[in-house]
C-alpha atoms as a PDB file:
ATOM      1  CA  MET A   1      55.264 -63.430 115.584  1.00  0.00           C
ATOM      2  CA  PHE A   2      55.787 -60.116 113.209  1.00  0.00           C
ATOM      3  CA  GLY A   3      58.085 -58.241 115.642  1.00  0.00           C
ATOM      4  CA  LEU A   4      56.217 -55.181 115.605  1.00  0.00           C
ATOM      5  CA  ASP A   5      58.078 -53.939 118.402  1.00  0.00           C
ATOM      6  CA  GLN A   6      61.328 -54.514 116.125  1.00  0.00           C
ATOM      7  CA  PRO A   7      62.915 -51.982 113.396  1.00  0.00           C
ATOM      8  CA  ILE A   8      61.571 -51.859 110.334  1.00  0.00           C
ATOM      9  CA  GLN A   9      64.153 -54.532 108.323  1.00  0.00           C
ATOM     10  CA  VAL A  10      63.245 -57.015 111.206  1.00  0.00           C
ATOM     11  CA  GLN A  11      59.747 -56.903 110.676  1.00  0.00           C
ATOM     12  CA  TYR A  12      59.970 -56.906 106.749  1.00  0.00           C
ATOM     13  CA  TYR A  13      62.217 -60.228 107.328  1.00  0.00           C
ATOM     14  CA  LEU A  14      59.743 -61.795 109.642  1.00  0.00           C
ATOM     15  CA  TYR A  15      56.898 -60.859 107.583  1.00  0.00           C
ATOM     16  CA  LEU A  16      58.604 -62.736 104.551  1.00  0.00           C
ATOM     17  CA  VAL A  17      59.424 -65.754 106.744  1.00  0.00           C
ATOM     18  CA  ASN A  18      55.673 -65.745 107.615  1.00  0.00           C
ATOM     19  CA  LEU A  19      54.479 -65.032 104.244  1.00  0.00           C
ATOM     20  CA  PHE A  20      56.666 -68.380 102.811  1.00  0.00           C
ATOM     21  CA  HIS A  21      54.818 -70.403 105.507  1.00  0.00           C
ATOM     22  CA  GLY A  22      51.439 -69.149 104.311  1.00  0.00           C
ATOM     23  CA  ASN A  23      50.758 -66.923 107.399  1.00  0.00           C
ATOM     24  CA  LEU A  24      49.610 -63.680 106.214  1.00  0.00           C
ATOM     25  CA  GLY A  25      48.180 -62.716 109.630  1.00  0.00           C
ATOM     26  CA  ILE A  26      44.647 -62.713 111.071  1.00  0.00           C
ATOM     27  CA  SER A  27      41.956 -60.289 110.220  1.00  0.00           C
ATOM     28  CA  PHE A  28      41.050 -57.564 112.528  1.00  0.00           C
ATOM     29  CA  GLU A  29      37.267 -57.838 111.605  1.00  0.00           C
ATOM     30  CA  TYR A  30      37.064 -61.595 111.106  1.00  0.00           C
ATOM     31  CA  ASP A  31      39.236 -62.699 113.631  1.00  0.00           C
ATOM     32  CA  GLN A  32      40.207 -65.366 111.158  1.00  0.00           C
ATOM     33  CA  PRO A  33      43.599 -66.030 109.244  1.00  0.00           C
ATOM     34  CA  VAL A  34      43.705 -63.744 106.538  1.00  0.00           C
ATOM     35  CA  LEU A  35      44.777 -66.554 103.981  1.00  0.00           C
ATOM     36  CA  GLY A  36      41.692 -68.847 104.141  1.00  0.00           C
ATOM     37  CA  ILE A  37      39.496 -65.309 103.768  1.00  0.00           C
ATOM     38  CA  VAL A  38      41.263 -64.384 100.953  1.00  0.00           C
ATOM     39  CA  ILE A  39      41.401 -67.780  99.099  1.00  0.00           C
ATOM     40  CA  GLY A  40      37.354 -68.143  99.785  1.00  0.00           C
ATOM     41  CA  ARG A  41      36.695 -65.021  98.295  1.00  0.00           C
ATOM     42  CA  LEU A  42      39.294 -65.548  95.271  1.00  0.00           C
ATOM     43  CA  VAL A  43      37.572 -68.383  93.595  1.00  0.00           C
ATOM     44  CA  ASN A  44      34.378 -66.130  93.591  1.00  0.00           C
ATOM     45  CA  THR A  45      36.488 -63.698  91.528  1.00  0.00           C
ATOM     46  CA  VAL A  46      38.039 -66.033  89.467  1.00  0.00           C
ATOM     47  CA  LEU A  47      34.790 -67.110  88.162  1.00  0.00           C
ATOM     48  CA  LEU A  48      33.514 -63.854  87.372  1.00  0.00           C
ATOM     49  CA  VAL A  49      36.833 -62.447  85.869  1.00  0.00           C
ATOM     50  CA  GLY A  50      37.480 -65.915  84.285  1.00  0.00           C
ATOM     51  CA  VAL A  51      33.999 -65.637  82.339  1.00  0.00           C
ATOM     52  CA  ALA A  52      34.181 -62.054  81.615  1.00  0.00           C
ATOM     53  CA  TYR A  53      37.981 -62.280  80.391  1.00  0.00           C
ATOM     54  CA  ILE A  54      37.354 -64.771  78.056  1.00  0.00           C
ATOM     55  CA  LEU A  55      33.955 -62.911  76.513  1.00  0.00           C
ATOM     56  CA  PHE A  56      35.861 -59.226  76.524  1.00  0.00           C
ATOM     57  CA  VAL A  57      39.022 -60.334  74.680  1.00  0.00           C
ATOM     58  CA  LEU A  58      37.136 -62.676  72.272  1.00  0.00           C
ATOM     59  CA  LEU A  59      34.551 -60.457  71.600  1.00  0.00           C
ATOM     60  CA  GLY A  60      36.653 -57.302  71.471  1.00  0.00           C
ATOM     61  CA  ILE A  61      39.335 -58.882  68.949  1.00  0.00           C
ATOM     62  CA  PHE A  62      36.324 -60.234  66.703  1.00  0.00           C
ATOM     63  CA  LEU A  63      34.935 -56.605  66.478  1.00  0.00           C
ATOM     64  CA  GLY A  64      38.378 -55.088  65.785  1.00  0.00           C
ATOM     65  CA  VAL A  65      38.994 -57.757  63.085  1.00  0.00           C
ATOM     66  CA  VAL A  66      35.366 -57.116  61.743  1.00  0.00           C
ATOM     67  CA  ALA A  67      36.234 -53.092  61.827  1.00  0.00           C
ATOM     68  CA  ALA A  68      39.649 -53.731  59.896  1.00  0.00           C
ATOM     69  CA  TRP A  69      38.512 -56.064  57.411  1.00  0.00           C
ATOM     70  CA  ARG A  70      35.654 -53.317  56.342  1.00  0.00           C
ATOM     71  CA  HIS A  71      38.021 -50.300  56.881  1.00  0.00           C
ATOM     72  CA  GLY A  72      36.605 -47.197  55.786  1.00  0.00           C
ATOM     73  CA  SER A  73      32.845 -48.752  55.905  1.00  0.00           C
ATOM     74  CA  ARG A  74      30.000 -47.761  57.986  1.00  0.00           C
ATOM     75  CA  LEU A  75      30.615 -51.194  59.750  1.00  0.00           C
ATOM     76  CA  ASP A  76      33.915 -49.748  60.827  1.00  0.00           C
ATOM     77  CA  ALA A  77      32.554 -46.504  61.684  1.00  0.00           C
ATOM     78  CA  PHE A  78      30.071 -48.111  63.810  1.00  0.00           C
ATOM     79  CA  CYS A  79      32.385 -50.900  65.672  1.00  0.00           C
ATOM     80  CA  VAL A  80      34.955 -47.943  66.549  1.00  0.00           C
ATOM     81  CA  SER A  81      32.075 -45.798  67.906  1.00  0.00           C
ATOM     82  CA  PHE A  82      30.670 -48.817  69.896  1.00  0.00           C
ATOM     83  CA  ALA A  83      34.012 -49.504  71.280  1.00  0.00           C
ATOM     84  CA  LEU A  84      34.850 -45.822  72.236  1.00  0.00           C
ATOM     85  CA  THR A  85      31.607 -45.269  74.005  1.00  0.00           C
ATOM     86  CA  THR A  86      31.333 -48.585  76.192  1.00  0.00           C
ATOM     87  CA  TYR A  87      35.067 -47.956  77.037  1.00  0.00           C
ATOM     88  CA  SER A  88      34.222 -44.458  78.362  1.00  0.00           C
ATOM     89  CA  VAL A  89      31.500 -45.399  80.346  1.00  0.00           C
ATOM     90  CA  PRO A  90      32.794 -45.967  84.179  1.00  0.00           C
ATOM     91  CA  THR A  91      31.816 -49.757  85.299  1.00  0.00           C
ATOM     92  CA  PHE A  92      29.983 -48.408  88.474  1.00  0.00           C
ATOM     93  CA  TRP A  93      27.716 -46.095  86.440  1.00  0.00           C
ATOM     94  CA  LEU A  94      27.199 -48.749  84.139  1.00  0.00           C
ATOM     95  CA  SER A  95      26.164 -51.426  86.746  1.00  0.00           C
ATOM     96  CA  MET A  96      23.717 -49.390  88.270  1.00  0.00           C
ATOM     97  CA  ILE A  97      22.254 -48.692  85.066  1.00  0.00           C
ATOM     98  CA  PHE A  98      21.818 -52.458  84.465  1.00  0.00           C
ATOM     99  CA  ILE A  99      20.256 -52.763  87.939  1.00  0.00           C
ATOM    100  CA  LEU A 100      17.902 -49.931  87.299  1.00  0.00           C
ATOM    101  CA  VAL A 101      16.696 -51.496  83.600  1.00  0.00           C
ATOM    102  CA  PHE A 102      16.674 -55.161  84.154  1.00  0.00           C
ATOM    103  CA  SER A 103      16.404 -55.773  87.835  1.00  0.00           C
ATOM    104  CA  VAL A 104      13.884 -52.762  88.942  1.00  0.00           C
ATOM    105  CA  TRP A 105      12.258 -52.285  85.634  1.00  0.00           C
ATOM    106  CA  LEU A 106      12.289 -55.543  83.998  1.00  0.00           C
ATOM    107  CA  GLY A 107      12.852 -58.070  86.781  1.00  0.00           C
ATOM    108  CA  VAL A 108      14.634 -60.398  84.677  1.00  0.00           C
ATOM    109  CA  PHE A 109      18.055 -60.779  87.132  1.00  0.00           C
ATOM    110  CA  PRO A 110      18.446 -60.412  90.547  1.00  0.00           C
ATOM    111  CA  THR A 111      20.152 -57.134  92.082  1.00  0.00           C
ATOM    112  CA  SER A 112      23.006 -58.411  93.741  1.00  0.00           C
ATOM    113  CA  GLY A 113      24.281 -61.654  95.864  1.00  0.00           C
ATOM    114  CA  MET A 114      25.936 -64.870  94.361  1.00  0.00           C
ATOM    115  CA  PHE A 115      23.000 -66.789  95.224  1.00  0.00           C
ATOM    116  CA  THR A 116      19.290 -66.447  95.972  1.00  0.00           C
ATOM    117  CA  MET A 117      19.294 -65.936  99.994  1.00  0.00           C
ATOM    118  CA  GLY A 118      17.169 -68.789 101.595  1.00  0.00           C
ATOM    119  CA  ALA A 119      16.206 -70.170  98.216  1.00  0.00           C
ATOM    120  CA  GLY A 120      18.056 -73.724  98.482  1.00  0.00           C
ATOM    121  CA  PRO A 121      18.637 -75.115  95.041  1.00  0.00           C
ATOM    122  CA  GLU A 122      16.853 -78.525  94.998  1.00  0.00           C
ATOM    123  CA  ASP A 123      19.426 -80.061  92.001  1.00  0.00           C
ATOM    124  CA  PHE A 124      22.298 -79.271  90.410  1.00  0.00           C
ATOM    125  CA  VAL A 125      20.815 -77.736  87.671  1.00  0.00           C
ATOM    126  CA  SER A 126      18.614 -75.320  89.701  1.00  0.00           C
ATOM    127  CA  TYR A 127      22.041 -74.577  91.429  1.00  0.00           C
ATOM    128  CA  LEU A 128      23.701 -73.632  88.400  1.00  0.00           C
ATOM    129  CA  LEU A 129      21.099 -71.449  86.914  1.00  0.00           C
ATOM    130  CA  ASP A 130      20.712 -69.486  89.955  1.00  0.00           C
ATOM    131  CA  LEU A 131      24.616 -68.688  89.890  1.00  0.00           C
ATOM    132  CA  MET A 132      24.149 -67.835  86.275  1.00  0.00           C
ATOM    133  CA  SER A 133      21.445 -65.209  87.051  1.00  0.00           C
ATOM    134  CA  HIS A 134      23.353 -63.724  89.427  1.00  0.00           C
ATOM    135  CA  LEU A 135      26.397 -63.677  87.174  1.00  0.00           C
ATOM    136  CA  ALA A 136      24.897 -62.070  84.153  1.00  0.00           C
ATOM    137  CA  MET A 137      24.820 -58.540  84.762  1.00  0.00           C
ATOM    138  CA  PRO A 138      28.476 -58.424  86.286  1.00  0.00           C
ATOM    139  CA  VAL A 139      30.005 -60.353  83.440  1.00  0.00           C
ATOM    140  CA  ILE A 140      27.865 -58.333  81.047  1.00  0.00           C
ATOM    141  CA  THR A 141      29.503 -55.086  82.559  1.00  0.00           C
ATOM    142  CA  LEU A 142      32.986 -55.812  82.510  1.00  0.00           C
ATOM    143  CA  VAL A 143      32.373 -57.183  79.223  1.00  0.00           C
ATOM    144  CA  LEU A 144      30.770 -54.188  77.766  1.00  0.00           C
ATOM    145  CA  TYR A 145      33.796 -51.904  79.217  1.00  0.00           C
ATOM    146  CA  TYR A 146      36.960 -53.789  78.317  1.00  0.00           C
ATOM    147  CA  MET A 147      36.193 -55.053  74.799  1.00  0.00           C
ATOM    148  CA  GLY A 148      36.171 -51.705  73.569  1.00  0.00           C
ATOM    149  CA  PHE A 149      39.780 -51.173  74.445  1.00  0.00           C
ATOM    150  CA  TYR A 150      40.498 -54.862  72.711  1.00  0.00           C
ATOM    151  CA  THR A 151      38.429 -53.723  69.647  1.00  0.00           C
ATOM    152  CA  ILE A 152      40.404 -50.407  69.152  1.00  0.00           C
ATOM    153  CA  LEU A 153      44.034 -52.338  69.725  1.00  0.00           C
ATOM    154  CA  ALA A 154      42.988 -55.315  67.507  1.00  0.00           C
ATOM    155  CA  ARG A 155      41.927 -53.089  64.677  1.00  0.00           C
ATOM    156  CA  SER A 156      45.008 -50.776  64.783  1.00  0.00           C
ATOM    157  CA  SER A 157      47.228 -53.765  65.114  1.00  0.00           C
ATOM    158  CA  LEU A 158      45.846 -55.041  62.119  1.00  0.00           C
ATOM    159  CA  LEU A 159      45.772 -52.181  60.029  1.00  0.00           C
ATOM    160  CA  GLU A 160      49.305 -51.684  60.434  1.00  0.00           C
ATOM    161  CA  THR A 161      49.854 -55.313  59.634  1.00  0.00           C
ATOM    162  CA  PHE A 162      48.347 -54.768  56.485  1.00  0.00           C
ATOM    163  CA  THR A 163      51.113 -52.618  55.278  1.00  0.00           C
ATOM    164  CA  GLU A 164      53.722 -55.460  55.979  1.00  0.00           C
ATOM    165  CA  ASP A 165      55.594 -56.562  52.842  1.00  0.00           C
ATOM    166  CA  TYR A 166      54.311 -60.197  53.440  1.00  0.00           C
ATOM    167  CA  VAL A 167      50.775 -58.901  53.228  1.00  0.00           C
ATOM    168  CA  LEU A 168      51.312 -56.699  50.069  1.00  0.00           C
ATOM    169  CA  THR A 169      52.497 -59.673  48.472  1.00  0.00           C
ATOM    170  CA  ALA A 170      49.674 -61.962  49.516  1.00  0.00           C
ATOM    171  CA  ARG A 171      47.272 -59.375  48.098  1.00  0.00           C
ATOM    172  CA  ALA A 172      49.426 -59.231  44.796  1.00  0.00           C
ATOM    173  CA  LYS A 173      48.656 -62.899  44.397  1.00  0.00           C
ATOM    174  CA  GLY A 174      44.844 -61.954  44.381  1.00  0.00           C
ATOM    175  CA  MET A 175      44.052 -62.984  48.208  1.00  0.00           C
ATOM    176  CA  SER A 176      41.355 -61.172  49.660  1.00  0.00           C
ATOM    177  CA  ASN A 177      41.051 -59.340  53.003  1.00  0.00           C
ATOM    178  CA  TRP A 178      39.316 -62.027  54.799  1.00  0.00           C
ATOM    179  CA  GLN A 179      41.512 -64.729  53.728  1.00  0.00           C
ATOM    180  CA  ILE A 180      45.004 -62.417  54.420  1.00  0.00           C
ATOM    181  CA  ILE A 181      43.472 -61.939  57.968  1.00  0.00           C
ATOM    182  CA  ARG A 182      42.665 -65.543  58.342  1.00  0.00           C
ATOM    183  CA  LYS A 183      45.997 -66.909  56.892  1.00  0.00           C
ATOM    184  CA  HIS A 184      48.826 -64.182  57.849  1.00  0.00           C
ATOM    185  CA  ALA A 185      47.827 -61.257  59.610  1.00  0.00           C
ATOM    186  CA  LEU A 186      45.846 -62.430  62.481  1.00  0.00           C
ATOM    187  CA  ARG A 187      48.577 -63.999  64.564  1.00  0.00           C
ATOM    188  CA  ASN A 188      51.026 -61.450  64.280  1.00  0.00           C
ATOM    189  CA  ALA A 189      48.234 -58.670  65.195  1.00  0.00           C
ATOM    190  CA  MET A 190      47.201 -61.009  68.421  1.00  0.00           C
ATOM    191  CA  LEU A 191      50.355 -60.133  69.881  1.00  0.00           C
ATOM    192  CA  PRO A 192      49.584 -56.735  71.098  1.00  0.00           C
ATOM    193  CA  SER A 193      46.123 -57.810  72.309  1.00  0.00           C
ATOM    194  CA  LEU A 194      48.086 -60.444  74.104  1.00  0.00           C
ATOM    195  CA  THR A 195      50.353 -58.282  75.753  1.00  0.00           C
ATOM    196  CA  MET A 196      47.473 -55.771  76.940  1.00  0.00           C
ATOM    197  CA  ALA A 197      45.441 -59.049  77.938  1.00  0.00           C
ATOM    198  CA  ALA A 198      48.029 -59.703  80.907  1.00  0.00           C
ATOM    199  CA  ILE A 199      49.064 -56.289  81.950  1.00  0.00           C
ATOM    200  CA  ASN A 200      45.632 -55.375  82.289  1.00  0.00           C
ATOM    201  CA  ILE A 201      45.075 -57.941  84.881  1.00  0.00           C
ATOM    202  CA  GLY A 202      45.461 -55.238  87.635  1.00  0.00           C
ATOM    203  CA  ALA A 203      43.097 -52.826  85.478  1.00  0.00           C
ATOM    204  CA  VAL A 204      40.535 -55.792  85.349  1.00  0.00           C
ATOM    205  CA  VAL A 205      40.647 -56.187  89.230  1.00  0.00           C
ATOM    206  CA  GLY A 206      39.934 -52.161  89.880  1.00  0.00           C
ATOM    207  CA  GLY A 207      36.975 -52.688  87.802  1.00  0.00           C
ATOM    208  CA  VAL A 208      36.059 -55.645  89.566  1.00  0.00           C
ATOM    209  CA  LEU A 209      36.345 -53.681  92.927  1.00  0.00           C
ATOM    210  CA  GLN A 210      33.600 -51.306  91.408  1.00  0.00           C
ATOM    211  CA  THR A 211      31.457 -54.094  90.367  1.00  0.00           C
ATOM    212  CA  GLU A 212      31.340 -56.231  92.696  1.00  0.00           C
ATOM    213  CA  THR A 213      30.745 -53.719  95.351  1.00  0.00           C
ATOM    214  CA  VAL A 214      27.775 -52.283  93.254  1.00  0.00           C
ATOM    215  CA  PHE A 215      26.228 -55.858  92.332  1.00  0.00           C
ATOM    216  CA  SER A 216      27.508 -57.358  96.191  1.00  0.00           C
ATOM    217  CA  TRP A 217      29.541 -60.137  94.779  1.00  0.00           C
ATOM    218  CA  PRO A 218      31.387 -61.745  97.296  1.00  0.00           C
ATOM    219  CA  GLY A 219      34.742 -61.712  95.570  1.00  0.00           C
ATOM    220  CA  ILE A 220      38.419 -60.251  96.262  1.00  0.00           C
ATOM    221  CA  GLY A 221      37.367 -56.942  95.024  1.00  0.00           C
ATOM    222  CA  SER A 222      34.354 -56.261  97.546  1.00  0.00           C
ATOM    223  CA  LEU A 223      37.046 -57.837  99.922  1.00  0.00           C
ATOM    224  CA  THR A 224      39.307 -55.350  99.412  1.00  0.00           C
ATOM    225  CA  TYR A 225      36.735 -52.372  99.690  1.00  0.00           C
ATOM    226  CA  ASP A 226      35.339 -53.850 102.745  1.00  0.00           C
ATOM    227  CA  ALA A 227      38.644 -54.139 104.360  1.00  0.00           C
ATOM    228  CA  LEU A 228      39.469 -50.544 103.269  1.00  0.00           C
ATOM    229  CA  MET A 229      36.757 -49.365 104.675  1.00  0.00           C
ATOM    230  CA  LEU A 230      37.529 -51.208 108.003  1.00  0.00           C
ATOM    231  CA  ARG A 231      40.917 -50.467 108.044  1.00  0.00           C
ATOM    232  CA  ASP A 232      41.721 -54.064 108.256  1.00  0.00           C
ATOM    233  CA  TYR A 233      45.156 -53.633 107.394  1.00  0.00           C
ATOM    234  CA  PRO A 234      46.377 -57.444 107.602  1.00  0.00           C
ATOM    235  CA  LEU A 235      43.234 -58.434 105.316  1.00  0.00           C
ATOM    236  CA  LEU A 236      43.782 -55.344 102.903  1.00  0.00           C
ATOM    237  CA  GLN A 237      47.447 -56.561 102.688  1.00  0.00           C
ATOM    238  CA  GLY A 238      46.664 -60.020 101.852  1.00  0.00           C
ATOM    239  CA  ALA A 239      44.317 -58.810  98.921  1.00  0.00           C
ATOM    240  CA  PHE A 240      46.619 -56.498  97.480  1.00  0.00           C
ATOM    241  CA  LEU A 241      49.310 -59.845  97.725  1.00  0.00           C
ATOM    242  CA  ILE A 242      47.172 -62.071  95.738  1.00  0.00           C
ATOM    243  CA  THR A 243      46.756 -59.018  93.284  1.00  0.00           C
ATOM    244  CA  ALA A 244      50.160 -58.512  92.403  1.00  0.00           C
ATOM    245  CA  VAL A 245      50.888 -62.606  91.974  1.00  0.00           C
ATOM    246  CA  ALA A 246      47.956 -62.876  89.823  1.00  0.00           C
ATOM    247  CA  VAL A 247      49.336 -59.868  87.603  1.00  0.00           C
ATOM    248  CA  LEU A 248      53.215 -61.449  87.479  1.00  0.00           C
ATOM    249  CA  THR A 249      51.546 -65.074  86.991  1.00  0.00           C
ATOM    250  CA  ALA A 250      49.651 -63.588  84.089  1.00  0.00           C
ATOM    251  CA  ASN A 251      52.737 -61.786  82.563  1.00  0.00           C
ATOM    252  CA  PHE A 252      54.877 -64.792  82.786  1.00  0.00           C
ATOM    253  CA  VAL A 253      52.296 -67.014  80.648  1.00  0.00           C
ATOM    254  CA  VAL A 254      52.468 -64.666  78.292  1.00  0.00           C
ATOM    255  CA  ASP A 255      56.163 -64.693  78.002  1.00  0.00           C
ATOM    256  CA  ILE A 256      55.409 -68.565  77.316  1.00  0.00           C
ATOM    257  CA  LEU A 257      52.455 -68.039  74.525  1.00  0.00           C
ATOM    258  CA  TYR A 258      54.810 -65.661  72.792  1.00  0.00           C
ATOM    259  CA  THR A 259      56.764 -68.332  71.660  1.00  0.00           C
ATOM    260  CA  TRP A 260      53.904 -70.240  69.819  1.00  0.00           C
ATOM    261  CA  LEU A 261      52.292 -66.952  68.610  1.00  0.00           C
ATOM    262  CA  ASP A 262      55.641 -65.205  67.217  1.00  0.00           C
ATOM    263  CA  PRO A 263      58.300 -68.164  66.496  1.00  0.00           C
ATOM    264  CA  ARG A 264      60.745 -65.149  65.631  1.00  0.00           C
ATOM    265  CA  VAL A 265      60.897 -65.087  69.765  1.00  0.00           C
ATOM    266  CA  ARG A 266      62.339 -68.988  69.456  1.00  0.00           C
ATOM    267  CA  TYR A 267      65.489 -67.571  67.856  1.00  0.00           C
END
């Protein structure tokens, strides 16, 4: 099927043919088609990354705007210090600290998994609450780690935008800093953050690999780790392929959104 006894160029050709037919091979460990395994785990990762991504981008930009708005104040120093601190902490260490504090000491959240084993939820509300309780700590871990980067980026972008001529004109008209940010500067300052939000998809997947492994979240990150430890090369190759497709798709979507955020791109 994959011509492993053929020259390398023939193997690559056969791989592309099978790829376009949705055939990524058979997993050594699970003895099942790789595509089905990866898609099943991808849904769980999309849930985790989707919730975390929305939160850390919005919160990071919000803190960056607040820091730029009160530039030079104690609030600015607090936001920058908080962002640098959270972004400097490794995700796996932060995950273990959360497990120790909120699971072992306080008993607020479960330690691992996606659902409580053996506790079948009676209705949809119980099912959703159980899912949210398992989702909380992985999401908070990713949010705290990545929001610091967007805080610093949004703050520096806004401060740079404040030096533009149209901002100086708006300030000369008597507009406050908050009015200038809301009506003029924010959209232009969001461009670097939006670009990095797409580029960082690959980095976020790397962070998810560590976070999912610590919390035993059944997603593409923990699947990649298991495939690596078990030397399940077809499964590992399929996981890498899905990650690459996600990065390319995200960059394509951002290129389209640029035309809405920056009218100069349309011309």
